[in-house]
Protein backbone atom coordinates (compact mmCIF):
# COMPACT_ATOMS: atom_id res chain seq x y z
CA UNK A 1 -60.34 -104.12 -92.11
CA UNK A 2 -61.17 -100.57 -91.02
CA UNK A 3 -57.83 -99.92 -92.39
CA UNK A 4 -57.98 -100.72 -95.40
CA UNK A 5 -61.71 -99.48 -95.66
CA UNK A 6 -60.88 -96.23 -94.38
CA UNK A 7 -58.39 -95.12 -97.37
CA UNK A 8 -55.59 -94.50 -94.82
CA UNK A 9 -53.89 -97.63 -94.72
CA UNK A 10 -51.31 -96.34 -96.44
CA UNK A 11 -50.40 -94.12 -93.93
CA UNK A 12 -51.10 -96.09 -90.40
CA UNK A 13 -48.95 -99.30 -89.61
CA UNK A 14 -49.67 -101.29 -86.53
CA UNK A 15 -45.35 -102.17 -85.38
CA UNK A 16 -46.27 -103.98 -82.24
CA UNK A 17 -44.15 -104.28 -79.98
CA UNK A 18 -40.58 -102.02 -80.16
CA UNK A 19 -38.20 -102.92 -76.96
CA UNK A 20 -36.76 -99.54 -78.42
CA UNK A 21 -40.09 -97.41 -80.27
CA UNK A 22 -37.60 -93.96 -80.92
CA UNK A 23 -37.03 -94.61 -84.08
CA UNK A 24 -40.56 -95.52 -84.88
CA UNK A 25 -41.99 -92.05 -83.12
CA UNK A 26 -39.44 -90.62 -85.42
CA UNK A 27 -41.15 -91.40 -87.89
CA UNK A 28 -44.76 -90.64 -86.41
CA UNK A 29 -46.66 -87.07 -86.73
CA UNK A 30 -49.17 -88.42 -83.85
CA UNK A 31 -49.22 -90.00 -81.09
CA UNK A 32 -53.26 -91.86 -80.43
CA UNK A 33 -53.74 -93.97 -77.25
CA UNK A 34 -57.54 -95.02 -76.66
CA UNK A 35 -57.01 -97.11 -74.50
CA UNK A 36 -59.74 -97.33 -71.10
CA UNK A 37 -57.61 -99.32 -68.48
CA UNK A 38 -54.03 -97.82 -68.59
CA UNK A 39 -53.44 -96.46 -64.88
CA UNK A 40 -49.52 -94.80 -65.91
CA UNK A 41 -49.19 -95.50 -69.74
CA UNK A 42 -45.22 -95.67 -69.80
CA UNK A 43 -45.46 -94.74 -74.13
CA UNK A 44 -47.37 -91.22 -72.67
CA UNK A 45 -43.84 -90.24 -71.33
CA UNK A 46 -42.35 -91.15 -74.56
CA UNK A 47 -44.48 -89.80 -76.64
CA UNK A 48 -44.60 -86.99 -75.02
CA UNK A 49 -40.71 -86.76 -75.18
CA UNK A 50 -40.39 -87.98 -78.73
CA UNK A 51 -42.46 -84.42 -79.43
CA UNK A 52 -45.56 -85.94 -81.06
CA UNK A 53 -48.73 -84.21 -81.03
CA UNK A 54 -50.74 -87.05 -78.83
CA UNK A 55 -54.77 -87.64 -78.83
CA UNK A 56 -55.89 -89.53 -75.60
CA UNK A 57 -57.81 -90.87 -73.09
CA UNK A 58 -58.83 -89.33 -69.93
CA UNK A 59 -57.35 -92.42 -68.09
CA UNK A 60 -54.31 -92.65 -65.85
CA UNK A 61 -51.70 -90.70 -66.07
CA UNK A 62 -53.36 -88.57 -69.31
CA UNK A 63 -55.49 -87.14 -67.05
CA UNK A 64 -53.55 -85.75 -64.55
CA UNK A 65 -50.50 -85.12 -67.20
CA UNK A 66 -52.51 -83.30 -70.07
CA UNK A 67 -53.97 -80.38 -70.48
CA UNK A 68 -56.54 -80.45 -73.55
CA UNK A 69 -55.48 -78.16 -76.09
CA UNK A 70 -52.67 -77.37 -74.38
CA UNK A 71 -50.42 -80.39 -74.83
CA UNK A 72 -52.42 -82.50 -76.10
CA UNK A 73 -56.14 -83.28 -77.52
CA UNK A 74 -57.71 -85.50 -74.57
CA UNK A 75 -60.70 -87.27 -75.94
CA UNK A 76 -64.08 -88.44 -73.51
CA UNK A 77 -65.33 -91.76 -73.64
CA UNK A 78 -65.84 -90.89 -77.18
CA UNK A 79 -64.86 -92.97 -80.31
CA UNK A 80 -66.86 -90.17 -82.39
CA UNK A 81 -64.87 -87.60 -80.27
CA UNK A 82 -61.94 -89.26 -80.63
CA UNK A 83 -62.24 -89.95 -84.36
CA UNK A 84 -62.80 -86.18 -84.28
CA UNK A 85 -59.50 -85.51 -82.91
CA UNK A 86 -57.07 -87.57 -84.57
CA UNK A 87 -59.02 -85.75 -88.49
CA UNK A 88 -58.47 -82.47 -86.31
CA UNK A 89 -54.93 -82.69 -86.20
CA UNK A 90 -54.64 -84.55 -89.73
CA UNK A 91 -55.57 -81.12 -91.03
CA UNK A 92 -53.77 -79.05 -88.67
CA UNK A 93 -49.33 -79.58 -88.55
CA UNK A 94 -49.26 -75.92 -86.82
CA UNK A 95 -51.68 -77.89 -83.42
CA UNK A 96 -49.44 -80.63 -84.62
CA UNK A 97 -46.49 -78.63 -83.73
CA UNK A 98 -47.81 -76.42 -80.73
CA UNK A 99 -48.56 -79.04 -78.98
CA UNK A 100 -46.08 -82.15 -79.62
CA UNK A 101 -43.60 -79.50 -78.51
CA UNK A 102 -45.93 -77.87 -75.36
CA UNK A 103 -46.02 -82.17 -74.58
CA UNK A 104 -42.21 -82.80 -74.80
CA UNK A 105 -41.33 -79.21 -72.22
CA UNK A 106 -43.53 -81.03 -69.69
CA UNK A 107 -41.72 -84.59 -70.44
CA UNK A 108 -38.93 -82.33 -69.47
CA UNK A 109 -40.34 -81.02 -65.75
CA UNK A 110 -42.77 -83.92 -64.73
CA UNK A 111 -40.83 -87.19 -66.22
CA UNK A 112 -36.73 -86.05 -67.27
CA UNK A 113 -33.87 -86.19 -65.12
CA UNK A 114 -33.96 -83.43 -62.54
CA UNK A 115 -37.47 -84.31 -61.80
CA UNK A 116 -36.72 -88.07 -61.07
CA UNK A 117 -33.94 -86.41 -58.81
CA UNK A 118 -36.37 -84.74 -56.64
CA UNK A 119 -38.96 -87.43 -57.19
CA UNK A 120 -36.34 -89.73 -55.36
CA UNK A 121 -35.08 -87.15 -52.99
CA UNK A 122 -38.01 -86.70 -51.42
CA UNK A 123 -38.84 -90.33 -51.15
CA UNK A 124 -35.76 -90.98 -49.30
CA UNK A 125 -36.00 -87.38 -47.10
CA UNK A 126 -33.14 -86.47 -48.74
CA UNK A 127 -32.55 -82.17 -49.02
CA UNK A 128 -34.27 -81.28 -52.05
CA UNK A 129 -31.79 -79.57 -54.70
């Protein structure tokens, strides 16, 4: 109902569960993550890797992976602030591009193959390359 009343419904799609979200991410400009309960949301890593501009609450991984204004917009637990950040991204394509690029670079550094290999090596007590 909110989407219809806001006049934004033609530009917003609620797609539900996706076995492979990559095609959906490729169609998007912004990823909104208003969760207040998810401690490690893989979907955030997927959105980062897909070079999307992200607005997120500061829960779980978002609190440690995101730096407000550098690689995402991080909202306090305040729906009005969250909505204002979404509006800012809708109006500013250069900001979307800058945040998306930084998020993608960070995803590679934090969660890419080399980072994963190093984490497993540390966990197993094997030399880190």
